[in-house]
Amino acid sequence: MNNKNPIQIDSNMRQEFISQLSEAFLATKGYGIYAYLNPVDVNNLFNQYISLDISAKDFARRFVKSK
């Protein structure tokens, strides 16, 4: 039985997403996510990510490669 409420799940997903995106930027560009994107952009990317059926890591890699 999952005792987490939807807000906790969304928060955990968002944290994982930001972590993966930040790691991808650091590895590829040498700077963290917020050197390239503002918080509104990150939120918009998260909203795009949750509508897809891919991992946060794959989404982050694809996005950073496109920049």
PDB file of N, CA and C in Angstrom:
ATOM      1  N   MET A   1       0.845  -1.185   0.000  1.00  0.00           N
ATOM      2  CA  MET A   1       0.000   0.000   0.000  1.00  0.00           C
ATOM      3  C   MET A   1       0.883   1.237   0.000  1.00  0.00           C
ATOM      4  N   ASN A   2       0.573   2.185  -0.874  1.00  0.00           N
ATOM      5  CA  ASN A   2       1.344   3.411  -0.986  1.00  0.00           C
ATOM      6  C   ASN A   2       0.727   4.476  -0.089  1.00  0.00           C
ATOM      7  N   ASN A   3       1.471   4.908   0.935  1.00  0.00           N
ATOM      8  CA  ASN A   3       0.961   5.885   1.883  1.00  0.00           C
ATOM      9  C   ASN A   3       1.257   7.320   1.464  1.00  0.00           C
ATOM     10  N   LYS A   4       1.934   7.515   0.354  1.00  0.00           N
ATOM     11  CA  LYS A   4       2.266   8.859  -0.093  1.00  0.00           C
ATOM     12  C   LYS A   4       1.067   9.481  -0.797  1.00  0.00           C
ATOM     13  N   ASN A   5       0.846  10.742  -0.502  1.00  0.00           N
ATOM     14  CA  ASN A   5      -0.241  11.435  -1.186  1.00  0.00           C
ATOM     15  C   ASN A   5       0.269  12.004  -2.509  1.00  0.00           C
ATOM     16  N   PRO A   6      -0.622  12.431  -3.395  1.00  0.00           N
ATOM     17  CA  PRO A   6      -0.206  12.925  -4.716  1.00  0.00           C
ATOM     18  C   PRO A   6       0.767  14.097  -4.651  1.00  0.00           C
ATOM     19  N   ILE A   7       0.646  14.936  -3.647  1.00  0.00           N
ATOM     20  CA  ILE A   7       1.570  16.074  -3.517  1.00  0.00           C
ATOM     21  C   ILE A   7       2.979  15.575  -3.242  1.00  0.00           C
ATOM     22  N   GLN A   8       3.130  14.574  -2.381  1.00  0.00           N
ATOM     23  CA  GLN A   8       4.449  14.009  -2.103  1.00  0.00           C
ATOM     24  C   GLN A   8       5.033  13.356  -3.346  1.00  0.00           C
ATOM     25  N   ILE A   9       4.211  12.655  -4.087  1.00  0.00           N
ATOM     26  CA  ILE A   9       4.674  11.987  -5.298  1.00  0.00           C
ATOM     27  C   ILE A   9       5.139  13.026  -6.307  1.00  0.00           C
ATOM     28  N   ASP A  10       4.335  14.079  -6.516  1.00  0.00           N
ATOM     29  CA  ASP A  10       4.706  15.152  -7.440  1.00  0.00           C
ATOM     30  C   ASP A  10       5.992  15.829  -6.980  1.00  0.00           C
ATOM     31  N   SER A  11       6.125  16.073  -5.700  1.00  0.00           N
ATOM     32  CA  SER A  11       7.327  16.709  -5.161  1.00  0.00           C
ATOM     33  C   SER A  11       8.554  15.835  -5.377  1.00  0.00           C
ATOM     34  N   ASN A  12       8.418  14.541  -5.140  1.00  0.00           N
ATOM     35  CA  ASN A  12       9.534  13.617  -5.360  1.00  0.00           C
ATOM     36  C   ASN A  12       9.908  13.551  -6.834  1.00  0.00           C
ATOM     37  N   MET A  13       8.903  13.515  -7.705  1.00  0.00           N
ATOM     38  CA  MET A  13       9.165  13.494  -9.149  1.00  0.00           C
ATOM     39  C   MET A  13       9.871  14.773  -9.579  1.00  0.00           C
ATOM     40  N   ARG A  14       9.425  15.900  -9.060  1.00  0.00           N
ATOM     41  CA  ARG A  14      10.021  17.193  -9.408  1.00  0.00           C
ATOM     42  C   ARG A  14      11.470  17.258  -8.934  1.00  0.00           C
ATOM     43  N   GLN A  15      11.732  16.796  -7.724  1.00  0.00           N
ATOM     44  CA  GLN A  15      13.102  16.790  -7.204  1.00  0.00           C
ATOM     45  C   GLN A  15      14.006  15.908  -8.057  1.00  0.00           C
ATOM     46  N   GLU A  16      13.538  14.731  -8.410  1.00  0.00           N
ATOM     47  CA  GLU A  16      14.314  13.825  -9.246  1.00  0.00           C
ATOM     48  C   GLU A  16      14.559  14.437 -10.620  1.00  0.00           C
ATOM     49  N   PHE A  17      13.536  15.044 -11.188  1.00  0.00           N
ATOM     50  CA  PHE A  17      13.655  15.679 -12.496  1.00  0.00           C
ATOM     51  C   PHE A  17      14.716  16.786 -12.470  1.00  0.00           C
ATOM     52  N   ILE A  18      14.639  17.675 -11.496  1.00  0.00           N
ATOM     53  CA  ILE A  18      15.589  18.780 -11.396  1.00  0.00           C
ATOM     54  C   ILE A  18      16.995  18.252 -11.164  1.00  0.00           C
ATOM     55  N   SER A  19      17.125  17.226 -10.356  1.00  0.00           N
ATOM     56  CA  SER A  19      18.432  16.618 -10.099  1.00  0.00           C
ATOM     57  C   SER A  19      19.036  16.057 -11.389  1.00  0.00           C
ATOM     58  N   GLN A  20      18.240  15.330 -12.148  1.00  0.00           N
ATOM     59  CA  GLN A  20      18.731  14.744 -13.403  1.00  0.00           C
ATOM     60  C   GLN A  20      19.066  15.823 -14.425  1.00  0.00           C
ATOM     61  N   LEU A  21      18.253  16.850 -14.504  1.00  0.00           N
ATOM     62  CA  LEU A  21      18.500  17.939 -15.438  1.00  0.00           C
ATOM     63  C   LEU A  21      19.770  18.701 -15.050  1.00  0.00           C
ATOM     64  N   SER A  22      19.935  18.942 -13.771  1.00  0.00           N
ATOM     65  CA  SER A  22      21.135  19.634 -13.293  1.00  0.00           C
ATOM     66  C   SER A  22      22.396  18.814 -13.569  1.00  0.00           C
ATOM     67  N   GLU A  23      22.328  17.512 -13.317  1.00  0.00           N
ATOM     68  CA  GLU A  23      23.477  16.641 -13.587  1.00  0.00           C
ATOM     69  C   GLU A  23      23.826  16.637 -15.077  1.00  0.00           C
ATOM     70  N   ALA A  24      22.812  16.615 -15.928  1.00  0.00           N
ATOM     71  CA  ALA A  24      23.056  16.618 -17.372  1.00  0.00           C
ATOM     72  C   ALA A  24      23.714  17.925 -17.813  1.00  0.00           C
ATOM     73  N   PHE A  25      23.256  19.044 -17.267  1.00  0.00           N
ATOM     74  CA  PHE A  25      23.879  20.327 -17.593  1.00  0.00           C
ATOM     75  C   PHE A  25      25.316  20.382 -17.092  1.00  0.00           C
ATOM     76  N   LEU A  26      25.549  19.936 -15.875  1.00  0.00           N
ATOM     77  CA  LEU A  26      26.910  19.952 -15.333  1.00  0.00           C
ATOM     78  C   LEU A  26      27.850  19.088 -16.161  1.00  0.00           C
ATOM     79  N   ALA A  27      27.411  17.910 -16.513  1.00  0.00           N
ATOM     80  CA  ALA A  27      28.258  16.983 -17.265  1.00  0.00           C
ATOM     81  C   ALA A  27      28.545  17.480 -18.680  1.00  0.00           C
ATOM     82  N   THR A  28      27.565  18.123 -19.296  1.00  0.00           N
ATOM     83  CA  THR A  28      27.697  18.539 -20.686  1.00  0.00           C
ATOM     84  C   THR A  28      28.237  19.955 -20.847  1.00  0.00           C
ATOM     85  N   LYS A  29      27.730  20.855 -20.051  1.00  0.00           N
ATOM     86  CA  LYS A  29      28.055  22.275 -20.221  1.00  0.00           C
ATOM     87  C   LYS A  29      29.053  22.802 -19.197  1.00  0.00           C
ATOM     88  N   GLY A  30      29.181  22.107 -18.073  1.00  0.00           N
ATOM     89  CA  GLY A  30      30.105  22.559 -17.034  1.00  0.00           C
ATOM     90  C   GLY A  30      29.494  23.504 -16.020  1.00  0.00           C
ATOM     91  N   TYR A  31      28.216  23.822 -16.187  1.00  0.00           N
ATOM     92  CA  TYR A  31      27.505  24.687 -15.245  1.00  0.00           C
ATOM     93  C   TYR A  31      26.172  24.057 -14.912  1.00  0.00           C
ATOM     94  N   GLY A  32      25.620  24.442 -13.776  1.00  0.00           N
ATOM     95  CA  GLY A  32      24.342  23.902 -13.342  1.00  0.00           C
ATOM     96  C   GLY A  32      23.177  24.440 -14.149  1.00  0.00           C
ATOM     97  N   ILE A  33      22.047  23.882 -13.880  1.00  0.00           N
ATOM     98  CA  ILE A  33      20.819  24.165 -14.610  1.00  0.00           C
ATOM     99  C   ILE A  33      20.447  25.640 -14.597  1.00  0.00           C
ATOM    100  N   TYR A  34      20.607  26.318 -13.454  1.00  0.00           N
ATOM    101  CA  TYR A  34      20.140  27.691 -13.337  1.00  0.00           C
ATOM    102  C   TYR A  34      21.084  28.704 -13.976  1.00  0.00           C
ATOM    103  N   ALA A  35      22.198  28.264 -14.503  1.00  0.00           N
ATOM    104  CA  ALA A  35      23.044  29.139 -15.313  1.00  0.00           C
ATOM    105  C   ALA A  35      22.443  29.278 -16.710  1.00  0.00           C
ATOM    106  N   TYR A  36      21.576  28.352 -17.089  1.00  0.00           N
ATOM    107  CA  TYR A  36      20.985  28.331 -18.423  1.00  0.00           C
ATOM    108  C   TYR A  36      19.482  28.592 -18.429  1.00  0.00           C
ATOM    109  N   LEU A  37      18.812  28.227 -17.351  1.00  0.00           N
ATOM    110  CA  LEU A  37      17.354  28.321 -17.318  1.00  0.00           C
ATOM    111  C   LEU A  37      16.892  29.028 -16.058  1.00  0.00           C
ATOM    112  N   ASN A  38      15.767  29.726 -16.165  1.00  0.00           N
ATOM    113  CA  ASN A  38      15.186  30.313 -14.963  1.00  0.00           C
ATOM    114  C   ASN A  38      14.168  29.324 -14.380  1.00  0.00           C
ATOM    115  N   PRO A  39      13.733  29.549 -13.155  1.00  0.00           N
ATOM    116  CA  PRO A  39      12.808  28.597 -12.512  1.00  0.00           C
ATOM    117  C   PRO A  39      11.507  28.370 -13.289  1.00  0.00           C
ATOM    118  N   VAL A  40      11.009  29.378 -13.973  1.00  0.00           N
ATOM    119  CA  VAL A  40       9.785  29.209 -14.761  1.00  0.00           C
ATOM    120  C   VAL A  40      10.038  28.241 -15.913  1.00  0.00           C
ATOM    121  N   ASP A  41      11.194  28.372 -16.565  1.00  0.00           N
ATOM    122  CA  ASP A  41      11.545  27.448 -17.649  1.00  0.00           C
ATOM    123  C   ASP A  41      11.658  26.014 -17.134  1.00  0.00           C
ATOM    124  N   VAL A  42      12.260  25.854 -15.974  1.00  0.00           N
ATOM    125  CA  VAL A  42      12.405  24.523 -15.384  1.00  0.00           C
ATOM    126  C   VAL A  42      11.027  23.933 -15.087  1.00  0.00           C
ATOM    127  N   ASN A  43      10.132  24.743 -14.563  1.00  0.00           N
ATOM    128  CA  ASN A  43       8.773  24.270 -14.286  1.00  0.00           C
ATOM    129  C   ASN A  43       8.062  23.870 -15.578  1.00  0.00           C
ATOM    130  N   ASN A  44       8.221  24.655 -16.625  1.00  0.00           N
ATOM    131  CA  ASN A  44       7.614  24.311 -17.915  1.00  0.00           C
ATOM    132  C   ASN A  44       8.181  23.004 -18.462  1.00  0.00           C
ATOM    133  N   LEU A  45       9.473  22.805 -18.315  1.00  0.00           N
ATOM    134  CA  LEU A  45      10.088  21.547 -18.746  1.00  0.00           C
ATOM    135  C   LEU A  45       9.545  20.372 -17.942  1.00  0.00           C
ATOM    136  N   PHE A  46       9.382  20.570 -16.639  1.00  0.00           N
ATOM    137  CA  PHE A  46       8.827  19.501 -15.805  1.00  0.00           C
ATOM    138  C   PHE A  46       7.428  19.129 -16.290  1.00  0.00           C
ATOM    139  N   ASN A  47       6.636  20.126 -16.613  1.00  0.00           N
ATOM    140  CA  ASN A  47       5.277  19.852 -17.106  1.00  0.00           C
ATOM    141  C   ASN A  47       5.312  19.087 -18.421  1.00  0.00           C
ATOM    142  N   GLN A  48       6.274  19.385 -19.275  1.00  0.00           N
ATOM    143  CA  GLN A  48       6.438  18.617 -20.511  1.00  0.00           C
ATOM    144  C   GLN A  48       6.846  17.179 -20.199  1.00  0.00           C
ATOM    145  N   TYR A  49       7.788  17.045 -19.278  1.00  0.00           N
ATOM    146  CA  TYR A  49       8.306  15.725 -18.907  1.00  0.00           C
ATOM    147  C   TYR A  49       7.214  14.799 -18.379  1.00  0.00           C
ATOM    148  N   ILE A  50       6.348  15.301 -17.509  1.00  0.00           N
ATOM    149  CA  ILE A  50       5.343  14.414 -16.905  1.00  0.00           C
ATOM    150  C   ILE A  50       4.318  13.925 -17.922  1.00  0.00           C
ATOM    151  N   SER A  51       4.225  14.608 -19.061  1.00  0.00           N
ATOM    152  CA  SER A  51       3.283  14.143 -20.075  1.00  0.00           C
ATOM    153  C   SER A  51       3.888  13.070 -20.982  1.00  0.00           C
ATOM    154  N   LEU A  52       5.189  12.820 -20.816  1.00  0.00           N
ATOM    155  CA  LEU A  52       5.873  11.819 -21.636  1.00  0.00           C
ATOM    156  C   LEU A  52       6.096  10.539 -20.847  1.00  0.00           C
ATOM    157  N   ASP A  53       6.359   9.477 -21.553  1.00  0.00           N
ATOM    158  CA  ASP A  53       6.611   8.193 -20.902  1.00  0.00           C
ATOM    159  C   ASP A  53       8.095   7.832 -21.023  1.00  0.00           C
ATOM    160  N   ILE A  54       8.959   8.714 -20.493  1.00  0.00           N
ATOM    161  CA  ILE A  54      10.398   8.456 -20.478  1.00  0.00           C
ATOM    162  C   ILE A  54      10.934   8.820 -19.101  1.00  0.00           C
ATOM    163  N   SER A  55      12.129   8.359 -18.815  1.00  0.00           N
ATOM    164  CA  SER A  55      12.726   8.658 -17.514  1.00  0.00           C
ATOM    165  C   SER A  55      13.214  10.101 -17.475  1.00  0.00           C
ATOM    166  N   ALA A  56      13.373  10.615 -16.278  1.00  0.00           N
ATOM    167  CA  ALA A  56      13.894  11.973 -16.104  1.00  0.00           C
ATOM    168  C   ALA A  56      15.297  12.079 -16.691  1.00  0.00           C
ATOM    169  N   LYS A  57      16.077  11.036 -16.529  1.00  0.00           N
ATOM    170  CA  LYS A  57      17.439  11.033 -17.045  1.00  0.00           C
ATOM    171  C   LYS A  57      17.450  11.129 -18.574  1.00  0.00           C
ATOM    172  N   ASP A  58      16.597  10.357 -19.237  1.00  0.00           N
ATOM    173  CA  ASP A  58      16.517  10.404 -20.696  1.00  0.00           C
ATOM    174  C   ASP A  58      16.013  11.765 -21.181  1.00  0.00           C
ATOM    175  N   PHE A  59      15.006  12.294 -20.509  1.00  0.00           N
ATOM    176  CA  PHE A  59      14.487  13.610 -20.884  1.00  0.00           C
ATOM    177  C   PHE A  59      15.594  14.652 -20.742  1.00  0.00           C
ATOM    178  N   ALA A  60      16.305  14.621 -19.633  1.00  0.00           N
ATOM    179  CA  ALA A  60      17.364  15.594 -19.388  1.00  0.00           C
ATOM    180  C   ALA A  60      18.455  15.506 -20.447  1.00  0.00           C
ATOM    181  N   ARG A  61      18.889  14.299 -20.774  1.00  0.00           N
ATOM    182  CA  ARG A  61      19.926  14.131 -21.799  1.00  0.00           C
ATOM    183  C   ARG A  61      19.480  14.696 -23.133  1.00  0.00           C
ATOM    184  N   ARG A  62      18.272  14.359 -23.528  1.00  0.00           N
ATOM    185  CA  ARG A  62      17.743  14.848 -24.805  1.00  0.00           C
ATOM    186  C   ARG A  62      17.641  16.376 -24.822  1.00  0.00           C
ATOM    187  N   PHE A  63      17.161  16.928 -23.733  1.00  0.00           N
ATOM    188  CA  PHE A  63      17.004  18.381 -23.685  1.00  0.00           C
ATOM    189  C   PHE A  63      18.362  19.075 -23.741  1.00  0.00           C
ATOM    190  N   VAL A  64      19.306  18.627 -22.960  1.00  0.00           N
ATOM    191  CA  VAL A  64      20.622  19.282 -22.932  1.00  0.00           C
ATOM    192  C   VAL A  64      21.312  19.130 -24.276  1.00  0.00           C
ATOM    193  N   LYS A  65      21.172  18.002 -24.928  1.00  0.00           N
ATOM    194  CA  LYS A  65      21.771  17.821 -26.264  1.00  0.00           C
ATOM    195  C   LYS A  65      21.191  18.811 -27.272  1.00  0.00           C
ATOM    196  N   SER A  66      19.930  19.181 -27.087  1.00  0.00           N
ATOM    197  CA  SER A  66      19.278  20.091 -28.026  1.00  0.00           C
ATOM    198  C   SER A  66      19.695  21.549 -27.819  1.00  0.00           C
ATOM    199  N   LYS A  67      20.390  21.820 -26.744  1.00  0.00           N
ATOM    200  CA  LYS A  67      20.819  23.198 -26.435  1.00  0.00           C
ATOM    201  C   LYS A  67      22.205  23.476 -26.899  1.00  0.00           C
TER     202      LYS A  67
END
